[in-house]
């Protein structure tokens, strides 16, 4: 594809492509610094954009059955697969990712859509979802109640983060579109190109009713002002920004719903039985090293704290530090490079500042930046080499349990016993995922349950699943994604559970004949 002439990426709103006016923001290559494209959302008629999505696209989507909407998701999958090579080229240029890291985003998005297409097909030709059986409210059962789910008559606004421009859109849009709710996505500006291109391809294919999928590239100013009582908002980003959003009248006065995925100090815990030389120890070491380097550590689910028994601290530090130098860092266009750059110079500054902040408390076990020799990239690039820090007495730490550095860095944390490991993991104040590593599956039961109330996902690994487990940081559409507390308190995915956010549950009370009639053109919402 031609990237030689930077273009202004248009916005798709109210069923039309519209160029923003005013000042433009440049999208750049984080390795070379070259300008790739420009974006602007200035001058857009946001009132018309939201009204068209609600009043025109919404009813057209909901006129289709769940099965018909699932078929549309399958068609989107085919469209994205047909353009997959272009998406990889955009990701390399705009996100600085090597092919294997681009796959996590692009192929992960396609797989998630495929999963929801299959799940949606199981709902058939229904237009209403049922929640449980009818319950009599009168002794003679003449009067009863049945709970139903109906798609919200509003719009779904997605405000997405920079690290997953493909998956971040489609893991949300799959459930929203299947539910019959039109989508307006505002991708993070720095990596908006891939999102915009994917939307453009789907729009050009004519798969969805006009206005079902809109994209706004540039500033988010004014978007929340248009959110009404029946709209829903899904945000992925920092906890500080989430707090600002939650204070908006859209939520405090109009009671619109918001789902948040925010900061997360995820942990991996090596249980005491997993001593050096055992299979579980080796798996832990591989996973920590992999999570530091995949997408240059720019995953909300990445391992930030790797917890080990103090007696295994030195062995774990040596084993992980030996693996990290094998990851060659630099320009993702060079075939020898295994880890690309961060997404921007600003993000590089934030990561280096964060590392320095942690280094005031933790020792440096490995720092690839000390003698960095980036391949086909200079010091001005957004490249950062892997860093492993260490805190032998984990209970004495503060910053390592409070500060998330969103890059290729993790801290090895020592603990005295399993109870202390659980306490330390929970000092993250709520996380997306915690992983456990042991040679004994049953030994992981107690800590798994103890950690479940503070984590959206508990990922347990023993040697029997070494080759089949899906990975600490990989978000599978069949499992819930989200977490309590600091992680935002939200939930996404989890199979068909994701549809609930885009539906309104109502209790319909009435004569038994009416309650029975509700089952026509309806299907019970499965638990997964």
Protein backbone atom coordinates (compact mmCIF):
# COMPACT_ATOMS: atom_id res chain seq x y z
CA UNK A 1 0.00 0.00 0.00
CA UNK A 2 1.13 3.58 -0.71
CA UNK A 3 2.35 5.45 2.38
CA UNK A 4 4.43 8.05 0.52
CA UNK A 5 2.01 10.99 0.73
CA UNK A 6 0.49 11.79 4.13
CA UNK A 7 -3.28 12.16 3.77
CA UNK A 8 -5.98 13.60 5.98
CA UNK A 9 -7.97 10.66 7.34
CA UNK A 10 -11.67 11.38 7.06
CA UNK A 11 -14.29 10.74 9.72
CA UNK A 12 -17.36 8.60 9.03
CA UNK A 13 -20.44 10.08 10.69
CA UNK A 14 -24.16 10.18 9.86
CA UNK A 15 -23.52 7.72 7.04
CA UNK A 16 -21.02 10.00 5.25
CA UNK A 17 -17.27 10.55 5.05
CA UNK A 18 -16.39 14.00 6.31
CA UNK A 19 -13.01 15.71 6.53
CA UNK A 20 -12.35 17.59 9.74
CA UNK A 21 -11.41 21.24 9.52
CA UNK A 22 -9.09 23.45 11.51
CA UNK A 23 -5.78 22.32 12.97
CA UNK A 24 -4.61 18.86 12.01
CA UNK A 25 -2.76 16.35 14.19
CA UNK A 26 0.02 14.34 12.58
CA UNK A 27 0.29 10.58 12.99
CA UNK A 28 3.94 9.56 12.94
CA UNK A 29 6.18 6.54 12.60
CA UNK A 30 7.56 6.02 16.13
CA UNK A 31 10.84 4.62 14.78
CA UNK A 32 11.69 7.08 12.00
CA UNK A 33 9.62 10.09 13.08
CA UNK A 34 8.11 10.39 9.57
CA UNK A 35 4.61 11.82 9.23
CA UNK A 36 2.22 9.14 7.99
CA UNK A 37 -1.17 10.86 7.98
CA UNK A 38 -3.17 13.66 9.56
CA UNK A 39 -6.41 13.63 11.54
CA UNK A 40 -8.93 16.23 12.62
CA UNK A 41 -12.43 16.08 14.06
CA UNK A 42 -12.94 19.84 14.10
CA UNK A 43 -16.21 21.10 12.67
CA UNK A 44 -18.08 17.78 12.71
CA UNK A 45 -21.82 17.95 13.29
CA UNK A 46 -21.86 15.71 16.35
CA UNK A 47 -25.58 16.23 16.99
CA UNK A 48 -26.35 14.89 13.53
CA UNK A 49 -23.87 12.03 13.98
CA UNK A 50 -25.50 10.79 17.19
CA UNK A 51 -29.04 11.38 15.96
CA UNK A 52 -28.42 9.43 12.75
CA UNK A 53 -26.89 6.53 14.65
CA UNK A 54 -29.76 6.40 17.16
CA UNK A 55 -32.74 7.13 14.91
CA UNK A 56 -31.74 5.61 11.57
CA UNK A 57 -29.03 3.00 12.11
CA UNK A 58 -30.37 1.66 15.42
CA UNK A 59 -33.86 0.71 14.21
CA UNK A 60 -32.39 -0.81 11.03
CA UNK A 61 -29.99 -2.95 13.04
CA UNK A 62 -32.69 -4.06 15.45
CA UNK A 63 -34.99 -5.01 12.60
CA UNK A 64 -32.53 -7.84 12.00
CA UNK A 65 -32.59 -10.90 14.23
CA UNK A 66 -29.64 -11.89 16.37
CA UNK A 67 -28.81 -14.58 13.85
CA UNK A 68 -28.89 -12.10 10.97
CA UNK A 69 -26.64 -9.72 12.86
CA UNK A 70 -24.29 -12.62 13.57
CA UNK A 71 -24.16 -13.26 9.84
CA UNK A 72 -23.10 -9.62 9.37
CA UNK A 73 -20.25 -10.21 11.81
CA UNK A 74 -19.12 -13.15 9.67
CA UNK A 75 -19.10 -10.87 6.63
CA UNK A 76 -17.01 -8.33 8.53
CA UNK A 77 -14.55 -11.11 9.34
CA UNK A 78 -14.23 -11.96 5.65
CA UNK A 79 -13.69 -8.30 4.77
CA UNK A 80 -10.98 -7.84 7.37
CA UNK A 81 -9.23 -11.04 6.33
CA UNK A 82 -9.18 -9.85 2.72
CA UNK A 83 -7.34 -6.68 3.75
CA UNK A 84 -5.14 -8.21 6.43
CA UNK A 85 -1.81 -7.47 4.71
CA UNK A 86 -2.59 -3.75 4.57
CA UNK A 87 -3.42 -3.75 8.27
CA UNK A 88 -0.05 -5.29 9.08
CA UNK A 89 1.71 -2.60 7.04
CA UNK A 90 -0.18 0.14 8.88
CA UNK A 91 0.61 -1.38 12.27
CA UNK A 92 4.32 -1.63 11.46
CA UNK A 93 4.42 2.02 10.38
CA UNK A 94 2.11 3.64 12.94
CA UNK A 95 2.47 1.40 16.01
CA UNK A 96 6.07 0.26 15.52
CA UNK A 97 5.20 -3.40 16.05
CA UNK A 98 6.83 -6.50 14.62
CA UNK A 99 4.57 -8.92 12.76
CA UNK A 100 4.05 -11.26 15.72
CA UNK A 101 2.95 -8.33 17.88
CA UNK A 102 0.70 -6.93 15.16
CA UNK A 103 -0.94 -10.35 15.05
CA UNK A 104 -1.95 -10.04 18.70
CA UNK A 105 -3.97 -6.97 17.72
CA UNK A 106 -5.16 -7.71 14.19
CA UNK A 107 -5.64 -11.48 14.25
CA UNK A 108 -6.93 -11.20 17.81
CA UNK A 109 -9.61 -8.83 16.54
CA UNK A 110 -10.60 -11.16 13.71
CA UNK A 111 -10.73 -14.17 16.04
CA UNK A 112 -12.93 -12.29 18.50
CA UNK A 113 -15.36 -11.29 15.76
CA UNK A 114 -15.43 -14.88 14.50
CA UNK A 115 -16.23 -16.12 17.98
CA UNK A 116 -19.15 -13.74 18.38
CA UNK A 117 -20.44 -14.59 14.93
CA UNK A 118 -20.66 -18.22 16.03
CA UNK A 119 -22.17 -17.38 19.41
CA UNK A 120 -24.70 -15.06 17.83
CA UNK A 121 -25.76 -17.69 15.32
CA UNK A 122 -26.89 -19.84 18.25
CA UNK A 123 -29.50 -17.19 19.12
CA UNK A 124 -31.25 -17.81 15.82
CA UNK A 125 -34.07 -15.62 14.56
CA UNK A 126 -34.98 -14.16 17.95
CA UNK A 127 -35.40 -10.43 18.56
CA UNK A 128 -35.76 -10.67 22.35
CA UNK A 129 -33.66 -12.38 25.00
CA UNK A 130 -35.22 -14.02 28.05
CA UNK A 131 -33.64 -14.02 31.50
CA UNK A 132 -34.87 -16.99 33.47
CA UNK A 133 -38.22 -18.71 33.67
CA UNK A 134 -41.61 -17.17 34.38
CA UNK A 135 -42.39 -16.79 38.08
CA UNK A 136 -46.00 -16.78 39.37
CA UNK A 137 -47.00 -13.75 41.45
CA UNK A 138 -50.44 -15.09 42.39
CA UNK A 139 -51.37 -18.27 44.21
CA UNK A 140 -53.38 -19.54 41.25
CA UNK A 141 -50.56 -18.58 38.81
CA UNK A 142 -52.93 -16.34 36.87
CA UNK A 143 -50.57 -13.39 37.28
CA UNK A 144 -46.84 -13.82 36.66
CA UNK A 145 -43.57 -12.11 35.78
CA UNK A 146 -40.85 -12.80 33.25
CA UNK A 147 -37.62 -10.89 32.80
CA UNK A 148 -36.58 -9.89 29.29
CA UNK A 149 -33.55 -8.24 27.74
CA UNK A 150 -34.14 -5.67 25.01
CA UNK A 151 -31.36 -3.81 23.12
CA UNK A 152 -30.89 -0.31 24.46
CA UNK A 153 -32.35 2.23 22.00
CA UNK A 154 -29.22 4.38 22.19
CA UNK A 155 -25.74 4.38 20.75
CA UNK A 156 -22.50 2.78 21.98
CA UNK A 157 -19.59 5.23 22.19
CA UNK A 158 -16.12 3.69 22.42
CA UNK A 159 -13.20 5.81 23.60
CA UNK A 160 -10.22 3.55 22.99
CA UNK A 161 -6.55 3.34 23.97
CA UNK A 162 -3.52 3.56 21.67
CA UNK A 163 -2.16 0.05 22.20
CA UNK A 164 -4.86 -1.99 20.43
CA UNK A 165 -6.30 0.00 17.50
CA UNK A 166 -7.80 -3.16 15.93
CA UNK A 167 -8.77 -5.46 18.80
CA UNK A 168 -9.82 -2.50 20.96
CA UNK A 169 -12.52 -1.67 18.42
CA UNK A 170 -13.77 -5.12 17.52
CA UNK A 171 -13.80 -6.76 20.96
CA UNK A 172 -16.36 -4.10 21.91
CA UNK A 173 -18.14 -3.71 18.58
CA UNK A 174 -18.73 -7.46 18.20
CA UNK A 175 -21.07 -7.50 21.21
CA UNK A 176 -22.62 -4.11 20.48
CA UNK A 177 -23.48 -4.84 16.85
CA UNK A 178 -24.71 -8.33 17.71
CA UNK A 179 -26.97 -6.68 20.27
CA UNK A 180 -28.35 -4.29 17.69
CA UNK A 181 -26.70 -1.14 19.03
CA UNK A 182 -24.89 1.23 16.61
CA UNK A 183 -21.27 2.12 17.37
CA UNK A 184 -19.32 5.37 17.33
CA UNK A 185 -15.62 4.77 17.95
CA UNK A 186 -13.09 7.44 18.93
CA UNK A 187 -9.72 5.71 18.64
CA UNK A 188 -6.65 7.07 20.39
CA UNK A 189 -5.26 9.71 18.06
CA UNK A 190 -1.66 8.43 17.87
CA UNK A 191 -2.64 5.08 16.31
CA UNK A 192 -6.01 5.97 14.76
CA UNK A 193 -5.01 5.00 11.22
CA UNK A 194 -5.62 1.27 11.61
CA UNK A 195 -9.03 1.76 13.23
CA UNK A 196 -10.08 4.24 10.56
CA UNK A 197 -8.97 1.95 7.75
CA UNK A 198 -10.83 -1.05 9.16
CA UNK A 199 -14.02 0.98 9.49
CA UNK A 200 -13.54 2.25 5.93
CA UNK A 201 -13.24 -1.28 4.57
CA UNK A 202 -16.39 -2.45 6.39
CA UNK A 203 -18.34 0.61 5.25
CA UNK A 204 -17.21 0.10 1.65
CA UNK A 205 -18.38 -3.51 1.78
CA UNK A 206 -21.92 -2.38 2.62
CA UNK A 207 -22.33 -5.01 5.31
CA UNK A 208 -24.19 -2.95 7.92
CA UNK A 209 -27.07 -0.48 7.71
CA UNK A 210 -25.65 3.03 7.13
CA UNK A 211 -24.55 4.68 10.36
CA UNK A 212 -24.20 1.43 12.29
CA UNK A 213 -20.44 1.96 12.56
CA UNK A 214 -18.96 5.45 12.76
CA UNK A 215 -15.40 6.62 13.42
CA UNK A 216 -14.18 9.98 14.68
CA UNK A 217 -10.44 10.63 14.43
CA UNK A 218 -8.96 13.45 16.48
CA UNK A 219 -10.28 15.25 19.54
CA UNK A 220 -12.97 13.71 21.75
CA UNK A 221 -14.27 17.17 22.68
CA UNK A 222 -18.06 17.31 22.79
CA UNK A 223 -18.68 13.57 22.49
CA UNK A 224 -19.86 13.02 26.07
CA UNK A 225 -22.08 16.11 25.85
CA UNK A 226 -24.17 14.17 23.29
CA UNK A 227 -24.55 11.06 25.46
CA UNK A 228 -28.17 10.49 26.46
CA UNK A 229 -29.92 8.34 29.03
CA UNK A 230 -30.05 5.23 26.82
CA UNK A 231 -26.54 5.47 25.40
CA UNK A 232 -23.63 3.44 26.71
CA UNK A 233 -19.96 4.38 26.87
CA UNK A 234 -16.97 2.05 26.98
CA UNK A 235 -13.62 3.57 27.89
CA UNK A 236 -10.14 2.08 27.88
CA UNK A 237 -7.34 4.21 29.28
CA UNK A 238 -5.91 5.71 32.45
CA UNK A 239 -7.66 5.75 35.81
CA UNK A 240 -7.26 9.53 35.98
CA UNK A 241 -9.06 10.03 32.68
CA UNK A 242 -11.73 7.54 33.74
CA UNK A 243 -12.36 9.54 36.91
CA UNK A 244 -12.82 12.69 34.84
CA UNK A 245 -15.26 10.93 32.52
CA UNK A 246 -17.31 9.53 35.39
CA UNK A 247 -17.86 13.06 36.72
CA UNK A 248 -19.52 14.14 33.47
CA UNK A 249 -23.26 14.98 33.60
CA UNK A 250 -23.89 12.19 31.08
CA UNK A 251 -23.37 9.80 33.99
CA UNK A 252 -24.07 11.89 37.10
CA UNK A 253 -27.29 13.45 35.79
CA UNK A 254 -28.49 11.45 32.80
CA UNK A 255 -27.47 8.07 34.28
CA UNK A 256 -25.94 6.73 31.09
CA UNK A 257 -23.94 3.54 31.64
CA UNK A 258 -20.15 3.49 31.41
CA UNK A 259 -17.77 0.55 31.31
CA UNK A 260 -14.15 1.26 32.22
CA UNK A 261 -10.94 -0.67 31.74
CA UNK A 262 -8.15 1.29 33.41
CA UNK A 263 -4.71 0.84 34.98
CA UNK A 264 -3.74 -2.60 36.20
CA UNK A 265 -0.75 -3.87 38.18
CA UNK A 266 -1.12 -7.50 37.11
CA UNK A 267 0.84 -10.20 38.91
CA UNK A 268 2.32 -13.61 38.16
CA UNK A 269 2.90 -15.79 41.22
CA UNK A 270 5.33 -18.70 41.38
CA UNK A 271 4.06 -21.02 44.11
CA UNK A 272 6.58 -22.47 46.60
CA UNK A 273 6.56 -26.00 45.12
CA UNK A 274 7.71 -24.66 41.74
CA UNK A 275 11.40 -24.71 42.60
CA UNK A 276 14.19 -24.05 40.10
CA UNK A 277 14.61 -27.04 37.83
CA UNK A 278 10.92 -27.93 37.77
CA UNK A 279 8.63 -27.55 34.77
CA UNK A 280 6.45 -24.93 36.46
CA UNK A 281 9.47 -22.76 37.27
CA UNK A 282 10.57 -22.84 33.64
CA UNK A 283 7.06 -21.96 32.47
CA UNK A 284 6.96 -18.99 34.86
CA UNK A 285 10.31 -17.69 33.60
CA UNK A 286 9.26 -18.00 29.94
CA UNK A 287 5.94 -16.26 30.56
CA UNK A 288 7.42 -13.34 32.50
CA UNK A 289 10.06 -12.75 29.81
CA UNK A 290 7.44 -13.02 27.08
CA UNK A 291 5.05 -10.60 28.76
CA UNK A 292 7.81 -8.03 29.19
CA UNK A 293 8.59 -8.07 25.47
CA UNK A 294 5.29 -8.76 23.62
CA UNK A 295 4.09 -5.47 22.10
CA UNK A 296 6.98 -3.83 23.97
CA UNK A 297 5.07 -4.38 27.19
CA UNK A 298 2.21 -2.17 25.98
CA UNK A 299 -0.59 -4.50 27.02
CA UNK A 300 -3.07 -3.71 29.76
CA UNK A 301 -2.77 -7.36 30.83
CA UNK A 302 1.04 -7.53 30.89
CA UNK A 303 2.84 -8.88 33.96
CA UNK A 304 4.03 -5.91 36.02
CA UNK A 305 4.90 -7.79 39.23
CA UNK A 306 6.45 -11.27 39.11
CA UNK A 307 6.20 -12.73 42.60
CA UNK A 308 8.48 -15.53 43.80
CA UNK A 309 9.35 -17.15 47.14
CA UNK A 310 12.37 -15.33 48.56
CA UNK A 311 14.36 -18.57 48.47
CA UNK A 312 13.87 -18.67 44.67
CA UNK A 313 14.47 -14.96 44.08
CA UNK A 314 18.06 -15.18 42.85
CA UNK A 315 17.40 -18.18 40.61
CA UNK A 316 14.37 -16.48 39.05
CA UNK A 317 16.26 -13.21 38.59
CA UNK A 318 19.10 -14.99 36.80
CA UNK A 319 16.83 -17.08 34.60
CA UNK A 320 14.66 -14.17 33.45
CA UNK A 321 17.62 -11.84 32.96
CA UNK A 322 19.28 -14.45 30.77
CA UNK A 323 16.28 -14.57 28.42
CA UNK A 324 15.70 -10.83 27.94
CA UNK A 325 18.89 -10.02 25.93
CA UNK A 326 17.78 -12.56 23.31
CA UNK A 327 15.05 -10.13 22.26
CA UNK A 328 16.54 -7.91 19.55
CA UNK A 329 15.02 -4.41 19.64
CA UNK A 330 14.71 -1.92 16.79
CA UNK A 331 12.97 -1.13 13.54
CA UNK A 332 10.21 -3.73 12.98
CA UNK A 333 10.92 -3.69 9.24
CA UNK A 334 14.21 -5.51 9.89
CA UNK A 335 13.61 -9.27 9.95
CA UNK A 336 16.12 -9.78 12.77
CA UNK A 337 14.14 -7.53 15.12
CA UNK A 338 11.94 -9.31 17.65
CA UNK A 339 10.57 -6.27 19.51
CA UNK A 340 9.67 -2.94 17.95
CA UNK A 341 9.20 0.46 19.52
CA UNK A 342 6.75 2.14 21.83
CA UNK A 343 4.01 4.04 20.01
CA UNK A 344 5.46 7.54 20.42
CA UNK A 345 8.29 9.64 21.79
CA UNK A 346 5.93 10.88 24.50
CA UNK A 347 5.23 7.33 25.59
CA UNK A 348 8.98 6.62 25.66
CA UNK A 349 9.54 9.57 28.00
CA UNK A 350 6.73 8.37 30.26
CA UNK A 351 8.16 4.84 30.40
CA UNK A 352 11.72 5.99 31.14
CA UNK A 353 10.42 8.32 33.85
CA UNK A 354 8.40 5.45 35.30
CA UNK A 355 11.41 3.14 35.35
CA UNK A 356 13.45 5.79 37.15
CA UNK A 357 10.63 6.17 39.68
CA UNK A 358 10.65 2.44 40.43
CA UNK A 359 14.45 2.32 40.56
CA UNK A 360 14.40 4.53 43.66
CA UNK A 361 12.84 1.55 45.46
CA UNK A 362 13.87 -1.54 43.49
CA UNK A 363 17.25 -2.79 42.34
CA UNK A 364 18.00 -3.12 38.64
CA UNK A 365 18.44 -6.77 37.71
CA UNK A 366 18.69 -6.20 33.96
CA UNK A 367 18.55 -3.02 31.87
CA UNK A 368 18.94 -3.46 28.15
CA UNK A 369 19.08 0.31 27.70
CA UNK A 370 22.49 0.67 29.34
CA UNK A 371 24.29 -0.59 26.25
CA UNK A 372 21.39 -0.38 23.82
CA UNK A 373 22.22 -1.03 20.19
CA UNK A 374 18.87 -0.77 18.45
CA UNK A 375 18.76 -2.29 14.97
CA UNK A 376 18.04 0.26 12.22
CA UNK A 377 16.86 2.76 14.84
CA UNK A 378 18.67 5.59 16.60
CA UNK A 379 18.35 7.15 20.03
CA UNK A 380 15.65 9.50 18.74
CA UNK A 381 13.33 6.58 18.04
CA UNK A 382 10.70 5.44 20.53
CA UNK A 383 12.56 2.19 21.17
CA UNK A 384 13.07 1.06 24.76
CA UNK A 385 14.86 -2.18 25.65
CA UNK A 386 13.53 -4.64 28.26
CA UNK A 387 14.10 -3.87 31.94
CA UNK A 388 13.82 -6.21 34.93
CA UNK A 389 13.76 -4.68 38.40
CA UNK A 390 13.80 -6.51 41.73
CA UNK A 391 12.46 -6.08 45.25
CA UNK A 392 13.53 -8.98 47.43
CA UNK A 393 11.34 -7.97 50.39
CA UNK A 394 8.05 -7.40 48.59
CA UNK A 395 6.16 -6.33 51.70
CA UNK A 396 8.53 -3.38 52.14
CA UNK A 397 7.66 -1.94 48.74
CA UNK A 398 5.24 0.82 47.91
CA UNK A 399 5.92 2.17 44.46
CA UNK A 400 6.09 -1.25 42.81
CA UNK A 401 2.56 -1.91 44.08
CA UNK A 402 1.27 1.55 43.08
CA UNK A 403 2.97 2.46 39.79
CA UNK A 404 2.24 0.87 36.44
CA UNK A 405 4.94 1.52 33.85
CA UNK A 406 3.31 0.86 30.48
CA UNK A 407 6.29 -0.55 28.66
CA UNK A 408 8.81 -3.42 28.59
CA UNK A 409 9.46 -3.55 32.33
CA UNK A 410 8.53 -5.85 35.20
CA UNK A 411 9.56 -6.09 38.83
CA UNK A 412 10.53 -9.36 40.50
CA UNK A 413 8.97 -9.33 43.98
CA UNK A 414 9.90 -11.67 46.82
CA UNK A 415 7.34 -13.09 49.26
CA UNK A 416 7.57 -15.20 52.45
CA UNK A 417 4.54 -17.48 52.11
CA UNK A 418 1.45 -17.89 49.94
CA UNK A 419 -0.71 -15.78 52.24
CA UNK A 420 1.74 -12.89 51.85
CA UNK A 421 1.78 -13.38 48.07
CA UNK A 422 -2.01 -13.00 48.02
CA UNK A 423 -1.79 -9.85 50.14
CA UNK A 424 0.90 -8.36 47.88
CA UNK A 425 -1.08 -9.12 44.72
CA UNK A 426 -4.10 -7.37 46.22
CA UNK A 427 -2.04 -4.28 46.96
CA UNK A 428 -2.56 -3.52 43.30
CA UNK A 429 -6.07 -2.45 44.38
CA UNK A 430 -7.77 -4.51 41.70
CA UNK A 431 -6.22 -5.95 38.54
CA UNK A 432 -7.24 -7.43 35.23
CA UNK A 433 -5.38 -10.72 35.65
CA UNK A 434 -3.18 -12.72 37.99
CA UNK A 435 -1.46 -15.94 36.97
CA UNK A 436 -0.37 -18.86 39.15
CA UNK A 437 2.40 -21.37 38.39
CA UNK A 438 2.70 -24.68 40.23
CA UNK A 439 3.54 -28.32 39.60
CA UNK A 440 0.34 -29.28 41.45
CA UNK A 441 -3.01 -28.16 40.01
CA UNK A 442 -4.92 -28.74 43.26
CA UNK A 443 -2.41 -26.62 45.19
CA UNK A 444 -3.57 -23.64 43.15
CA UNK A 445 -7.19 -23.91 44.32
CA UNK A 446 -6.86 -21.93 47.56
CA UNK A 447 -4.86 -19.00 46.13
CA UNK A 448 -7.03 -18.92 42.98
CA UNK A 449 -10.18 -18.43 45.05
CA UNK A 450 -8.44 -16.02 47.44
CA UNK A 451 -7.37 -13.84 44.50
CA UNK A 452 -10.61 -14.00 42.52
CA UNK A 453 -12.30 -11.15 44.41
CA UNK A 454 -9.57 -8.70 43.36
CA UNK A 455 -8.96 -9.84 39.78
CA UNK A 456 -11.08 -10.06 36.67
CA UNK A 457 -9.29 -13.22 35.59
CA UNK A 458 -7.21 -15.87 37.39
CA UNK A 459 -4.93 -17.81 35.02
CA UNK A 460 -3.50 -21.01 36.49
CA UNK A 461 -0.79 -23.10 34.83
CA UNK A 462 0.75 -26.47 35.72
CA UNK A 463 2.84 -28.77 33.47
CA UNK A 464 -0.26 -30.59 32.17
CA UNK A 465 -1.42 -27.44 30.32
CA UNK A 466 1.97 -26.01 29.38
CA UNK A 467 1.23 -26.44 25.66
CA UNK A 468 -2.50 -25.71 25.71
CA UNK A 469 -2.82 -22.75 28.09
CA UNK A 470 -3.64 -19.49 26.29
CA UNK A 471 -1.13 -17.23 28.05
CA UNK A 472 -1.23 -14.83 30.97
CA UNK A 473 -1.77 -11.72 28.85
CA UNK A 474 -3.96 -13.07 26.05
CA UNK A 475 -7.58 -11.97 26.34
CA UNK A 476 -9.86 -14.71 25.03
CA UNK A 477 -13.42 -13.75 23.98
CA UNK A 478 -14.83 -16.71 25.92
CA UNK A 479 -13.50 -15.27 29.22
CA UNK A 480 -14.38 -12.06 31.01
CA UNK A 481 -12.05 -9.12 30.46
CA UNK A 482 -12.00 -6.39 33.08
CA UNK A 483 -11.36 -6.11 36.76
CA UNK A 484 -12.51 -4.48 39.99
CA UNK A 485 -11.14 -1.40 41.72
CA UNK A 486 -8.16 0.23 40.08
CA UNK A 487 -8.71 -1.87 36.94
CA UNK A 488 -11.88 0.12 36.31
CA UNK A 489 -14.65 -2.04 37.70
CA UNK A 490 -15.77 -3.05 34.22
CA UNK A 491 -16.52 -6.25 32.33
CA UNK A 492 -16.20 -7.04 28.65
CA UNK A 493 -16.36 -10.26 26.62
CA UNK A 494 -17.03 -13.46 28.57
CA UNK A 495 -18.96 -15.03 25.71
CA UNK A 496 -22.58 -13.89 25.44
CA UNK A 497 -22.30 -12.24 28.88
CA UNK A 498 -20.97 -9.22 26.96
CA UNK A 499 -24.41 -8.61 25.44
CA UNK A 500 -25.86 -7.60 28.79
CA UNK A 501 -24.10 -4.22 28.77
CA UNK A 502 -25.93 -3.32 25.55
CA UNK A 503 -29.35 -4.44 26.75
CA UNK A 504 -31.95 -3.19 29.20
CA UNK A 505 -33.41 -5.83 31.50
CA UNK A 506 -37.08 -5.37 32.29
CA UNK A 507 -39.61 -7.33 34.36
CA UNK A 508 -42.84 -7.83 32.43
CA UNK A 509 -45.76 -8.60 34.76
CA UNK A 510 -49.18 -9.62 33.58
CA UNK A 511 -51.66 -12.39 32.87
CA UNK A 512 -50.15 -15.82 32.43
CA UNK A 513 -51.14 -15.82 28.76
CA UNK A 514 -49.18 -12.63 28.14
CA UNK A 515 -46.15 -13.92 30.00
CA UNK A 516 -46.25 -17.10 27.93
CA UNK A 517 -46.56 -15.06 24.72
CA UNK A 518 -43.29 -13.32 25.54
CA UNK A 519 -41.49 -16.52 24.53
CA UNK A 520 -42.51 -15.99 20.89
CA UNK A 521 -39.62 -14.62 18.81
CA UNK A 522 -37.42 -14.91 21.92
CA UNK A 523 -34.64 -17.11 23.25
CA UNK A 524 -33.10 -17.61 26.66
CA UNK A 525 -29.80 -15.75 27.00
CA UNK A 526 -27.20 -18.45 27.65
CA UNK A 527 -24.86 -18.01 30.59
CA UNK A 528 -21.84 -17.94 28.30
